[in-house]
């Protein structure tokens, strides 16, 4: 723990000496936007009310799960995955907004060590949120594929992606076989 605090103090001191951080603003609990993420409002990527209303207005039987016994990517399955993707996106955006709200007052600490630990903690949190931002982009792409009628089909082979795979990873673009080939190919070239 002491090593982490020392590292946090170094990060804070470097930020202060390089002019990236303002001591008075930090003491007042204000944030510098050096990471860029804080300026981007999640509402720009927000799940539109129209999307939610459209998905909610159509009926799915309660407890519905796609089945191999029905035609692949029929209207019910498309609606099921659309709702699943929209709910996932809404959850991620909510977590992002919660993080931003928490960060706005997090650095109002008593001493520089606490502030430095907060900066390091925020840096880790922002990395996580950046990964989630990329995931939201993939969710948007999957929603677009539903609209285009290409959702659920392998981008490489054109064959249907198994419902079990789509249930586990609704943003999947490759069938399991194509994904395995892709990973073997990557492994071969990364070893050279």
N, C-alpha and C. Protein backbone atom coordinates (compact mmCIF):
# COMPACT_ATOMS: atom_id res chain seq x y z
N UNK A 1 0.83 -1.19 0.00
CA UNK A 1 0.00 0.00 0.00
C UNK A 1 0.87 1.25 0.00
N UNK A 2 1.98 1.19 0.76
CA UNK A 2 2.86 2.35 0.83
C UNK A 2 3.47 2.65 -0.54
N UNK A 3 3.79 1.60 -1.31
CA UNK A 3 4.33 1.80 -2.65
C UNK A 3 3.32 2.48 -3.57
N UNK A 4 2.06 2.11 -3.42
CA UNK A 4 1.01 2.71 -4.24
C UNK A 4 0.83 4.18 -3.89
N UNK A 5 0.90 4.49 -2.60
CA UNK A 5 0.78 5.89 -2.18
C UNK A 5 1.94 6.71 -2.70
N UNK A 6 3.15 6.12 -2.63
CA UNK A 6 4.33 6.83 -3.12
C UNK A 6 4.20 7.11 -4.61
N UNK A 7 3.73 6.12 -5.37
CA UNK A 7 3.53 6.29 -6.80
C UNK A 7 2.47 7.37 -7.07
N UNK A 8 1.41 7.35 -6.27
CA UNK A 8 0.34 8.35 -6.44
C UNK A 8 0.87 9.76 -6.19
N UNK A 9 1.70 9.90 -5.15
CA UNK A 9 2.28 11.22 -4.85
C UNK A 9 3.17 11.67 -6.00
N UNK A 10 3.95 10.73 -6.57
CA UNK A 10 4.81 11.08 -7.70
C UNK A 10 3.98 11.56 -8.89
N UNK A 11 2.87 10.86 -9.16
CA UNK A 11 1.99 11.24 -10.28
C UNK A 11 1.42 12.63 -10.04
N UNK A 12 0.97 12.89 -8.81
CA UNK A 12 0.41 14.19 -8.48
C UNK A 12 1.46 15.28 -8.60
N UNK A 13 2.65 15.03 -8.02
CA UNK A 13 3.71 16.03 -8.08
C UNK A 13 4.12 16.34 -9.52
N UNK A 14 4.22 15.30 -10.34
CA UNK A 14 4.58 15.50 -11.74
C UNK A 14 3.51 16.33 -12.44
N UNK A 15 2.25 16.04 -12.15
CA UNK A 15 1.15 16.81 -12.76
C UNK A 15 1.18 18.26 -12.33
N UNK A 16 1.50 18.50 -11.06
CA UNK A 16 1.57 19.87 -10.57
C UNK A 16 2.75 20.62 -11.17
N UNK A 17 3.92 19.97 -11.23
CA UNK A 17 5.10 20.67 -11.75
C UNK A 17 5.03 20.88 -13.26
N UNK A 18 4.38 19.98 -13.97
CA UNK A 18 4.26 20.14 -15.42
C UNK A 18 3.11 21.09 -15.78
N UNK A 19 2.39 21.55 -14.79
CA UNK A 19 1.32 22.51 -15.05
C UNK A 19 0.03 21.88 -15.54
N UNK A 20 -0.06 20.55 -15.51
CA UNK A 20 -1.29 19.88 -15.95
C UNK A 20 -2.36 19.91 -14.87
N UNK A 21 -1.95 20.05 -13.62
CA UNK A 21 -2.89 20.10 -12.51
C UNK A 21 -2.76 21.43 -11.79
N UNK A 22 -3.84 21.92 -11.27
CA UNK A 22 -3.87 23.18 -10.54
C UNK A 22 -4.18 22.87 -9.08
N UNK A 23 -3.22 23.16 -8.18
CA UNK A 23 -3.36 22.81 -6.77
C UNK A 23 -4.63 23.41 -6.16
N UNK A 24 -4.92 24.67 -6.45
CA UNK A 24 -6.11 25.31 -5.87
C UNK A 24 -7.38 24.61 -6.33
N UNK A 25 -7.43 24.26 -7.61
CA UNK A 25 -8.62 23.59 -8.12
C UNK A 25 -8.76 22.20 -7.50
N UNK A 26 -7.63 21.50 -7.32
CA UNK A 26 -7.69 20.18 -6.69
C UNK A 26 -8.20 20.29 -5.26
N UNK A 27 -7.72 21.29 -4.54
CA UNK A 27 -8.15 21.47 -3.16
C UNK A 27 -9.63 21.84 -3.09
N UNK A 28 -10.15 22.48 -4.11
CA UNK A 28 -11.56 22.85 -4.15
C UNK A 28 -12.43 21.69 -4.65
N UNK A 29 -11.78 20.60 -5.03
CA UNK A 29 -12.52 19.44 -5.51
C UNK A 29 -12.90 19.53 -6.97
N UNK A 30 -12.30 20.44 -7.72
CA UNK A 30 -12.60 20.57 -9.14
C UNK A 30 -11.68 19.65 -9.94
N UNK A 31 -12.12 19.30 -11.13
CA UNK A 31 -11.41 18.34 -11.95
C UNK A 31 -10.73 18.99 -13.15
N UNK A 32 -9.55 18.52 -13.46
CA UNK A 32 -8.93 18.87 -14.73
C UNK A 32 -9.42 17.84 -15.74
N UNK A 33 -9.57 18.24 -16.96
CA UNK A 33 -10.08 17.32 -17.99
C UNK A 33 -8.96 16.83 -18.88
N UNK A 34 -7.84 16.51 -18.29
CA UNK A 34 -6.68 16.08 -19.08
C UNK A 34 -6.91 14.76 -19.81
N UNK A 35 -7.85 13.95 -19.36
CA UNK A 35 -8.08 12.68 -20.01
C UNK A 35 -9.06 12.78 -21.16
N UNK A 36 -9.74 13.88 -21.29
CA UNK A 36 -10.67 14.08 -22.39
C UNK A 36 -12.02 13.42 -22.17
N UNK A 37 -12.07 12.35 -21.41
CA UNK A 37 -13.31 11.61 -21.22
C UNK A 37 -14.35 12.46 -20.50
N UNK A 38 -13.92 13.29 -19.60
CA UNK A 38 -14.86 14.07 -18.81
C UNK A 38 -15.63 15.08 -19.65
N UNK A 39 -15.07 15.50 -20.74
CA UNK A 39 -15.76 16.48 -21.58
C UNK A 39 -16.86 15.81 -22.41
N UNK A 40 -16.68 14.55 -22.75
CA UNK A 40 -17.68 13.86 -23.54
C UNK A 40 -18.86 13.50 -22.67
N UNK A 41 -20.01 13.95 -23.06
CA UNK A 41 -21.22 13.66 -22.30
C UNK A 41 -21.80 12.34 -22.76
N UNK A 42 -22.09 11.43 -21.83
CA UNK A 42 -22.70 10.17 -22.23
C UNK A 42 -24.03 10.38 -22.93
N UNK A 43 -24.67 11.52 -22.72
CA UNK A 43 -25.97 11.73 -23.34
C UNK A 43 -25.86 11.80 -24.87
N UNK A 44 -24.64 12.09 -25.38
CA UNK A 44 -24.47 12.12 -26.84
C UNK A 44 -24.64 10.73 -27.42
N UNK A 45 -24.24 9.70 -26.64
CA UNK A 45 -24.33 8.33 -27.13
C UNK A 45 -25.51 7.62 -26.51
N UNK A 46 -26.34 8.35 -25.80
CA UNK A 46 -27.38 7.76 -24.99
C UNK A 46 -28.34 6.93 -25.82
N UNK A 47 -28.98 5.98 -25.14
CA UNK A 47 -30.02 5.19 -25.77
C UNK A 47 -31.21 6.11 -25.97
N UNK A 48 -31.61 6.31 -27.20
CA UNK A 48 -32.71 7.24 -27.45
C UNK A 48 -34.01 6.68 -26.91
N UNK A 49 -34.88 7.58 -26.50
CA UNK A 49 -36.18 7.15 -25.99
C UNK A 49 -36.98 6.45 -27.07
N UNK A 50 -36.79 6.88 -28.31
CA UNK A 50 -37.51 6.24 -29.42
C UNK A 50 -37.09 4.79 -29.56
N UNK A 51 -35.76 4.51 -29.44
CA UNK A 51 -35.29 3.13 -29.52
C UNK A 51 -35.92 2.28 -28.44
N UNK A 52 -35.93 2.79 -27.20
CA UNK A 52 -36.51 2.04 -26.10
C UNK A 52 -38.00 1.82 -26.29
N UNK A 53 -38.70 2.87 -26.70
CA UNK A 53 -40.15 2.76 -26.88
C UNK A 53 -40.47 1.76 -27.98
N UNK A 54 -39.70 1.82 -29.07
CA UNK A 54 -39.95 0.89 -30.17
C UNK A 54 -39.74 -0.54 -29.72
N UNK A 55 -38.65 -0.79 -28.98
CA UNK A 55 -38.37 -2.14 -28.51
C UNK A 55 -39.41 -2.60 -27.50
N UNK A 56 -39.90 -1.70 -26.68
CA UNK A 56 -40.89 -2.06 -25.66
C UNK A 56 -42.28 -2.25 -26.26
N UNK A 57 -42.59 -1.55 -27.36
CA UNK A 57 -43.94 -1.59 -27.90
C UNK A 57 -44.26 -2.95 -28.53
N UNK A 58 -43.27 -3.66 -28.96
CA UNK A 58 -43.51 -4.98 -29.54
C UNK A 58 -43.55 -6.01 -28.42
N UNK A 59 -44.32 -7.05 -28.63
CA UNK A 59 -44.48 -8.06 -27.58
C UNK A 59 -43.57 -9.24 -27.80
N UNK A 60 -43.01 -9.70 -26.70
CA UNK A 60 -42.30 -10.97 -26.63
C UNK A 60 -42.96 -11.74 -25.50
N UNK A 61 -43.16 -13.03 -25.67
CA UNK A 61 -43.72 -13.80 -24.56
C UNK A 61 -42.81 -13.67 -23.34
N UNK A 62 -43.40 -13.62 -22.16
CA UNK A 62 -42.62 -13.49 -20.94
C UNK A 62 -41.68 -14.69 -20.81
N UNK A 63 -40.41 -14.41 -20.52
CA UNK A 63 -39.41 -15.47 -20.37
C UNK A 63 -38.90 -16.03 -21.70
N UNK A 64 -39.20 -15.34 -22.78
CA UNK A 64 -38.79 -15.82 -24.11
C UNK A 64 -37.27 -15.93 -24.22
N UNK A 65 -36.79 -17.04 -24.78
CA UNK A 65 -35.39 -17.25 -25.13
C UNK A 65 -35.37 -17.80 -26.55
N UNK A 66 -34.48 -17.28 -27.41
CA UNK A 66 -34.39 -17.81 -28.77
C UNK A 66 -34.11 -19.31 -28.76
N UNK A 67 -34.69 -19.98 -29.71
CA UNK A 67 -34.57 -21.44 -29.78
C UNK A 67 -34.11 -21.87 -31.17
N UNK A 68 -33.41 -22.98 -31.22
CA UNK A 68 -32.97 -23.56 -32.50
C UNK A 68 -34.16 -24.09 -33.30
N UNK A 69 -35.30 -24.27 -32.62
CA UNK A 69 -36.49 -24.83 -33.28
C UNK A 69 -37.23 -23.82 -34.15
N UNK A 70 -36.91 -22.55 -34.03
CA UNK A 70 -37.60 -21.52 -34.81
C UNK A 70 -36.66 -21.01 -35.91
N UNK A 71 -37.21 -20.37 -36.93
CA UNK A 71 -36.35 -19.85 -38.00
C UNK A 71 -35.31 -18.87 -37.44
N UNK A 72 -34.09 -18.98 -37.97
CA UNK A 72 -32.98 -18.16 -37.46
C UNK A 72 -33.22 -16.68 -37.76
N UNK A 73 -33.00 -15.86 -36.77
CA UNK A 73 -33.13 -14.40 -36.80
C UNK A 73 -34.48 -13.95 -37.34
N UNK A 74 -35.52 -14.64 -36.85
CA UNK A 74 -36.88 -14.18 -37.16
C UNK A 74 -37.14 -12.91 -36.36
N UNK A 75 -38.30 -12.32 -36.51
CA UNK A 75 -38.61 -11.04 -35.87
C UNK A 75 -38.51 -11.11 -34.35
N UNK A 76 -38.95 -12.24 -33.78
CA UNK A 76 -38.85 -12.39 -32.32
C UNK A 76 -37.40 -12.40 -31.85
N UNK A 77 -36.57 -13.15 -32.54
CA UNK A 77 -35.16 -13.22 -32.15
C UNK A 77 -34.48 -11.85 -32.31
N UNK A 78 -34.79 -11.18 -33.39
CA UNK A 78 -34.21 -9.85 -33.59
C UNK A 78 -34.62 -8.90 -32.47
N UNK A 79 -35.90 -8.94 -32.11
CA UNK A 79 -36.39 -8.09 -31.03
C UNK A 79 -35.74 -8.46 -29.70
N UNK A 80 -35.59 -9.76 -29.45
CA UNK A 80 -34.95 -10.23 -28.22
C UNK A 80 -33.52 -9.68 -28.11
N UNK A 81 -32.74 -9.82 -29.17
CA UNK A 81 -31.35 -9.36 -29.13
C UNK A 81 -31.27 -7.84 -29.12
N UNK A 82 -32.19 -7.19 -29.80
CA UNK A 82 -32.23 -5.72 -29.78
C UNK A 82 -32.45 -5.22 -28.35
N UNK A 83 -33.42 -5.81 -27.66
CA UNK A 83 -33.68 -5.44 -26.26
C UNK A 83 -32.48 -5.73 -25.38
N UNK A 84 -31.87 -6.88 -25.60
CA UNK A 84 -30.70 -7.27 -24.80
C UNK A 84 -29.56 -6.26 -25.00
N UNK A 85 -29.31 -5.88 -26.24
CA UNK A 85 -28.25 -4.92 -26.53
C UNK A 85 -28.57 -3.53 -25.97
N UNK A 86 -29.81 -3.08 -26.11
CA UNK A 86 -30.20 -1.77 -25.57
C UNK A 86 -30.09 -1.74 -24.04
N UNK A 87 -30.47 -2.83 -23.39
CA UNK A 87 -30.37 -2.89 -21.92
C UNK A 87 -28.90 -2.85 -21.49
N UNK A 88 -28.04 -3.55 -22.22
CA UNK A 88 -26.62 -3.57 -21.91
C UNK A 88 -26.02 -2.18 -22.08
N UNK A 89 -26.39 -1.53 -23.18
CA UNK A 89 -25.89 -0.18 -23.45
C UNK A 89 -26.36 0.79 -22.37
N UNK A 90 -27.62 0.69 -21.99
CA UNK A 90 -28.16 1.57 -20.96
C UNK A 90 -27.42 1.37 -19.64
N UNK A 91 -27.12 0.11 -19.31
CA UNK A 91 -26.38 -0.19 -18.08
C UNK A 91 -24.98 0.43 -18.12
N UNK A 92 -24.28 0.28 -19.24
CA UNK A 92 -22.93 0.83 -19.37
C UNK A 92 -22.94 2.36 -19.28
N UNK A 93 -23.92 2.99 -19.94
CA UNK A 93 -24.01 4.44 -19.88
C UNK A 93 -24.33 4.93 -18.48
N UNK A 94 -25.15 4.18 -17.77
CA UNK A 94 -25.46 4.53 -16.38
C UNK A 94 -24.22 4.45 -15.50
N UNK A 95 -23.41 3.41 -15.70
CA UNK A 95 -22.18 3.27 -14.93
C UNK A 95 -21.21 4.40 -15.25
N UNK A 96 -21.16 4.79 -16.51
CA UNK A 96 -20.28 5.89 -16.91
C UNK A 96 -20.72 7.18 -16.25
N UNK A 97 -22.02 7.45 -16.27
CA UNK A 97 -22.51 8.67 -15.64
C UNK A 97 -22.26 8.66 -14.14
N UNK A 98 -22.43 7.51 -13.52
CA UNK A 98 -22.17 7.38 -12.09
C UNK A 98 -20.70 7.66 -11.78
N UNK A 99 -19.81 7.14 -12.61
CA UNK A 99 -18.38 7.40 -12.44
C UNK A 99 -18.08 8.89 -12.56
N UNK A 100 -18.64 9.52 -13.57
CA UNK A 100 -18.41 10.96 -13.75
C UNK A 100 -18.93 11.76 -12.56
N UNK A 101 -20.10 11.40 -12.08
CA UNK A 101 -20.66 12.10 -10.92
C UNK A 101 -19.78 11.92 -9.69
N UNK A 102 -19.28 10.70 -9.49
CA UNK A 102 -18.41 10.43 -8.34
C UNK A 102 -17.09 11.18 -8.45
N UNK A 103 -16.58 11.34 -9.66
CA UNK A 103 -15.29 11.99 -9.85
C UNK A 103 -15.36 13.49 -9.60
N UNK A 104 -16.52 14.07 -9.78
CA UNK A 104 -16.63 15.52 -9.66
C UNK A 104 -16.30 16.00 -8.24
N UNK A 105 -16.52 15.19 -7.24
CA UNK A 105 -16.21 15.62 -5.88
C UNK A 105 -15.15 14.78 -5.21
N UNK A 106 -14.58 13.85 -5.91
CA UNK A 106 -13.67 12.88 -5.29
C UNK A 106 -12.34 13.47 -4.85
N UNK A 107 -11.86 14.52 -5.47
CA UNK A 107 -10.53 15.03 -5.14
C UNK A 107 -10.54 16.12 -4.07
N UNK A 108 -11.65 16.32 -3.41
CA UNK A 108 -11.70 17.31 -2.34
C UNK A 108 -11.16 16.65 -1.06
N UNK A 109 -9.90 16.30 -1.07
CA UNK A 109 -9.27 15.57 0.03
C UNK A 109 -8.47 16.51 0.91
N UNK A 110 -8.13 16.01 2.07
CA UNK A 110 -7.44 16.84 3.06
C UNK A 110 -5.97 17.05 2.76
N UNK A 111 -5.30 16.06 2.25
CA UNK A 111 -3.86 16.22 2.01
C UNK A 111 -3.48 15.71 0.62
N UNK A 112 -2.24 15.99 0.24
CA UNK A 112 -1.80 15.65 -1.11
C UNK A 112 -1.72 14.15 -1.35
N UNK A 113 -1.47 13.37 -0.32
CA UNK A 113 -1.41 11.91 -0.49
C UNK A 113 -2.78 11.37 -0.85
N UNK A 114 -3.81 11.85 -0.14
CA UNK A 114 -5.17 11.43 -0.46
C UNK A 114 -5.56 11.86 -1.87
N UNK A 115 -5.18 13.06 -2.24
CA UNK A 115 -5.48 13.56 -3.58
C UNK A 115 -4.77 12.70 -4.62
N UNK A 116 -3.50 12.37 -4.36
CA UNK A 116 -2.73 11.56 -5.30
C UNK A 116 -3.34 10.17 -5.45
N UNK A 117 -3.74 9.57 -4.34
CA UNK A 117 -4.39 8.26 -4.42
C UNK A 117 -5.68 8.36 -5.24
N UNK A 118 -6.41 9.46 -5.04
CA UNK A 118 -7.63 9.67 -5.81
C UNK A 118 -7.36 9.79 -7.29
N UNK A 119 -6.27 10.47 -7.65
CA UNK A 119 -5.91 10.64 -9.06
C UNK A 119 -5.59 9.29 -9.69
N UNK A 120 -4.82 8.47 -8.97
CA UNK A 120 -4.47 7.14 -9.49
C UNK A 120 -5.73 6.29 -9.62
N UNK A 121 -6.59 6.34 -8.63
CA UNK A 121 -7.83 5.58 -8.67
C UNK A 121 -8.70 6.02 -9.85
N UNK A 122 -8.77 7.32 -10.07
CA UNK A 122 -9.56 7.84 -11.18
C UNK A 122 -8.97 7.42 -12.51
N UNK A 123 -7.66 7.39 -12.58
CA UNK A 123 -7.00 6.97 -13.82
C UNK A 123 -7.40 5.53 -14.17
N UNK A 124 -7.39 4.65 -13.18
CA UNK A 124 -7.79 3.26 -13.41
C UNK A 124 -9.26 3.19 -13.81
N UNK A 125 -10.09 3.96 -13.15
CA UNK A 125 -11.52 3.98 -13.46
C UNK A 125 -11.76 4.48 -14.88
N UNK A 126 -11.00 5.48 -15.29
CA UNK A 126 -11.17 6.02 -16.64
C UNK A 126 -10.72 5.02 -17.70
N UNK A 127 -9.70 4.24 -17.41
CA UNK A 127 -9.30 3.19 -18.35
C UNK A 127 -10.42 2.18 -18.54
N UNK A 128 -11.05 1.81 -17.42
CA UNK A 128 -12.19 0.89 -17.50
C UNK A 128 -13.31 1.50 -18.32
N UNK A 129 -13.61 2.76 -18.09
CA UNK A 129 -14.68 3.43 -18.83
C UNK A 129 -14.33 3.56 -20.31
N UNK A 130 -13.05 3.70 -20.64
CA UNK A 130 -12.64 3.77 -22.04
C UNK A 130 -12.91 2.43 -22.73
N UNK A 131 -12.62 1.32 -22.03
CA UNK A 131 -12.93 0.01 -22.60
C UNK A 131 -14.43 -0.12 -22.81
N UNK A 132 -15.21 0.39 -21.85
CA UNK A 132 -16.66 0.32 -21.99
C UNK A 132 -17.16 1.22 -23.12
N UNK A 133 -16.48 2.34 -23.36
CA UNK A 133 -16.84 3.22 -24.48
C UNK A 133 -16.69 2.45 -25.80
N UNK A 134 -15.61 1.68 -25.90
CA UNK A 134 -15.40 0.87 -27.11
C UNK A 134 -16.46 -0.21 -27.23
N UNK A 135 -16.86 -0.76 -26.08
CA UNK A 135 -17.91 -1.77 -26.08
C UNK A 135 -19.24 -1.17 -26.52
N UNK A 136 -19.53 0.04 -26.08
CA UNK A 136 -20.76 0.72 -26.51
C UNK A 136 -20.75 0.91 -28.02
N UNK A 137 -19.59 1.22 -28.58
CA UNK A 137 -19.49 1.35 -30.04
C UNK A 137 -19.83 0.01 -30.72
N UNK A 138 -19.33 -1.09 -30.16
CA UNK A 138 -19.64 -2.40 -30.74
C UNK A 138 -21.13 -2.73 -30.59
N UNK A 139 -21.72 -2.30 -29.48
CA UNK A 139 -23.16 -2.51 -29.30
C UNK A 139 -23.93 -1.73 -30.36
N UNK A 140 -23.51 -0.49 -30.61
CA UNK A 140 -24.16 0.31 -31.65
C UNK A 140 -24.04 -0.36 -33.01
N UNK A 141 -22.87 -0.92 -33.30
CA UNK A 141 -22.68 -1.63 -34.57
C UNK A 141 -23.61 -2.84 -34.66
N UNK A 142 -23.75 -3.57 -33.55
CA UNK A 142 -24.65 -4.74 -33.54
C UNK A 142 -26.09 -4.30 -33.75
N UNK A 143 -26.51 -3.21 -33.13
CA UNK A 143 -27.86 -2.69 -33.35
C UNK A 143 -28.07 -2.30 -34.80
N UNK A 144 -27.03 -1.74 -35.42
CA UNK A 144 -27.13 -1.38 -36.84
C UNK A 144 -27.25 -2.64 -37.70
N UNK A 145 -26.53 -3.70 -37.32
CA UNK A 145 -26.64 -4.96 -38.08
C UNK A 145 -28.05 -5.55 -37.97
N UNK A 146 -28.69 -5.35 -36.81
CA UNK A 146 -30.08 -5.81 -36.68
C UNK A 146 -30.95 -5.06 -37.68
N UNK A 147 -30.75 -3.75 -37.75
CA UNK A 147 -31.52 -2.92 -38.70
C UNK A 147 -31.24 -3.33 -40.14
N UNK A 148 -29.98 -3.67 -40.44
CA UNK A 148 -29.59 -4.05 -41.80
C UNK A 148 -30.00 -5.47 -42.17
N UNK A 149 -30.36 -6.27 -41.16
CA UNK A 149 -30.70 -7.67 -41.41
C UNK A 149 -29.50 -8.58 -41.48
N UNK A 150 -28.32 -8.11 -41.05
CA UNK A 150 -27.12 -8.94 -41.09
C UNK A 150 -26.72 -9.45 -39.72
N UNK A 151 -27.46 -9.07 -38.69
CA UNK A 151 -27.11 -9.50 -37.33
C UNK A 151 -27.28 -11.01 -37.20
N UNK A 152 -26.32 -11.62 -36.53
CA UNK A 152 -26.39 -13.06 -36.28
C UNK A 152 -25.71 -13.90 -37.34
N UNK A 153 -25.21 -13.25 -38.39
CA UNK A 153 -24.53 -13.98 -39.46
C UNK A 153 -23.05 -13.64 -39.43
N UNK A 154 -22.22 -14.64 -39.60
CA UNK A 154 -20.77 -14.48 -39.55
C UNK A 154 -20.31 -13.55 -40.67
N UNK A 155 -19.51 -12.56 -40.31
CA UNK A 155 -19.00 -11.61 -41.31
C UNK A 155 -18.04 -12.28 -42.29
N UNK A 156 -17.41 -13.37 -41.87
CA UNK A 156 -16.42 -14.04 -42.71
C UNK A 156 -17.05 -15.07 -43.63
N UNK A 157 -17.96 -15.88 -43.09
CA UNK A 157 -18.51 -16.99 -43.87
C UNK A 157 -19.95 -16.77 -44.32
N UNK A 158 -20.67 -15.87 -43.67
CA UNK A 158 -22.07 -15.65 -43.99
C UNK A 158 -22.99 -16.67 -43.34
N UNK A 159 -22.43 -17.63 -42.63
CA UNK A 159 -23.22 -18.64 -41.94
C UNK A 159 -23.80 -18.08 -40.65
N UNK A 160 -24.91 -18.63 -40.18
CA UNK A 160 -25.47 -18.17 -38.90
C UNK A 160 -24.50 -18.42 -37.73
N UNK A 161 -24.44 -17.47 -36.83
CA UNK A 161 -23.69 -17.62 -35.58
C UNK A 161 -24.63 -18.33 -34.62
N UNK A 162 -24.13 -19.28 -33.87
CA UNK A 162 -25.02 -20.06 -32.98
C UNK A 162 -25.71 -19.14 -31.98
N UNK A 163 -26.94 -19.50 -31.66
CA UNK A 163 -27.71 -18.71 -30.68
C UNK A 163 -27.03 -18.72 -29.32
N UNK A 164 -26.40 -19.84 -28.97
CA UNK A 164 -25.68 -19.89 -27.68
C UNK A 164 -24.55 -18.88 -27.66
N UNK A 165 -23.84 -18.73 -28.76
CA UNK A 165 -22.75 -17.75 -28.82
C UNK A 165 -23.31 -16.33 -28.75
N UNK A 166 -24.39 -16.07 -29.48
CA UNK A 166 -25.00 -14.74 -29.45
C UNK A 166 -25.57 -14.42 -28.07
N UNK A 167 -26.09 -15.42 -27.40
CA UNK A 167 -26.61 -15.21 -26.05
C UNK A 167 -25.47 -14.83 -25.10
N UNK A 168 -24.33 -15.48 -25.26
CA UNK A 168 -23.18 -15.21 -24.39
C UNK A 168 -22.47 -13.91 -24.79
N UNK A 169 -22.40 -13.64 -26.08
CA UNK A 169 -21.70 -12.45 -26.58
C UNK A 169 -22.54 -11.84 -27.70
N UNK A 170 -23.52 -11.01 -27.36
CA UNK A 170 -24.44 -10.49 -28.37
C UNK A 170 -23.79 -9.60 -29.42
N UNK A 171 -22.55 -9.18 -29.20
CA UNK A 171 -21.87 -8.34 -30.19
C UNK A 171 -20.98 -9.16 -31.12
N UNK A 172 -21.05 -10.49 -31.01
CA UNK A 172 -20.21 -11.36 -31.83
C UNK A 172 -20.47 -11.12 -33.31
N UNK A 173 -19.38 -11.09 -34.08
CA UNK A 173 -19.50 -10.91 -35.53
C UNK A 173 -18.99 -12.13 -36.29
N UNK A 174 -18.37 -13.06 -35.58
CA UNK A 174 -17.82 -14.26 -36.20
C UNK A 174 -18.38 -15.50 -35.53
N UNK A 175 -18.58 -16.55 -36.31
CA UNK A 175 -18.98 -17.82 -35.73
C UNK A 175 -17.80 -18.36 -34.90
N UNK A 176 -18.05 -19.35 -34.09
CA UNK A 176 -16.98 -19.91 -33.26
C UNK A 176 -15.85 -20.42 -34.13
N UNK A 177 -16.19 -21.11 -35.21
CA UNK A 177 -15.16 -21.67 -36.09
C UNK A 177 -14.32 -20.55 -36.72
N UNK A 178 -14.99 -19.51 -37.21
CA UNK A 178 -14.27 -18.40 -37.84
C UNK A 178 -13.42 -17.66 -36.81
N UNK A 179 -13.93 -17.51 -35.59
CA UNK A 179 -13.16 -16.86 -34.53
C UNK A 179 -11.92 -17.67 -34.18
N UNK A 180 -12.06 -18.99 -34.11
CA UNK A 180 -10.91 -19.85 -33.83
C UNK A 180 -9.87 -19.73 -34.94
N UNK A 181 -10.31 -19.73 -36.21
CA UNK A 181 -9.36 -19.55 -37.32
C UNK A 181 -8.65 -18.21 -37.21
N UNK A 182 -9.41 -17.18 -36.90
CA UNK A 182 -8.85 -15.84 -36.76
C UNK A 182 -7.79 -15.80 -35.64
N UNK A 183 -8.10 -16.43 -34.52
CA UNK A 183 -7.15 -16.45 -33.40
C UNK A 183 -5.91 -17.27 -33.72
N UNK A 184 -6.08 -18.42 -34.43
CA UNK A 184 -4.90 -19.21 -34.85
C UNK A 184 -4.03 -18.40 -35.80
N UNK A 185 -4.67 -17.70 -36.72
CA UNK A 185 -3.95 -16.86 -37.68
C UNK A 185 -3.16 -15.77 -36.95
N UNK A 186 -3.79 -15.12 -36.00
CA UNK A 186 -3.11 -14.08 -35.22
C UNK A 186 -1.94 -14.65 -34.45
N UNK A 187 -2.15 -15.83 -33.86
CA UNK A 187 -1.09 -16.46 -33.07
C UNK A 187 0.10 -16.82 -33.95
N UNK A 188 -0.17 -17.34 -35.15
CA UNK A 188 0.92 -17.69 -36.07
C UNK A 188 1.75 -16.49 -36.43
N UNK A 189 1.10 -15.38 -36.73
CA UNK A 189 1.83 -14.18 -37.15
C UNK A 189 2.46 -13.44 -35.98
N UNK A 190 1.92 -13.60 -34.78
CA UNK A 190 2.52 -12.92 -33.62
C UNK A 190 3.77 -13.65 -33.15
N UNK A 191 3.88 -14.95 -33.46
CA UNK A 191 5.06 -15.71 -33.05
C UNK A 191 6.25 -15.46 -33.97
N UNK A 192 6.00 -14.98 -35.16
CA UNK A 192 7.10 -14.75 -36.11
C UNK A 192 7.90 -13.52 -35.78
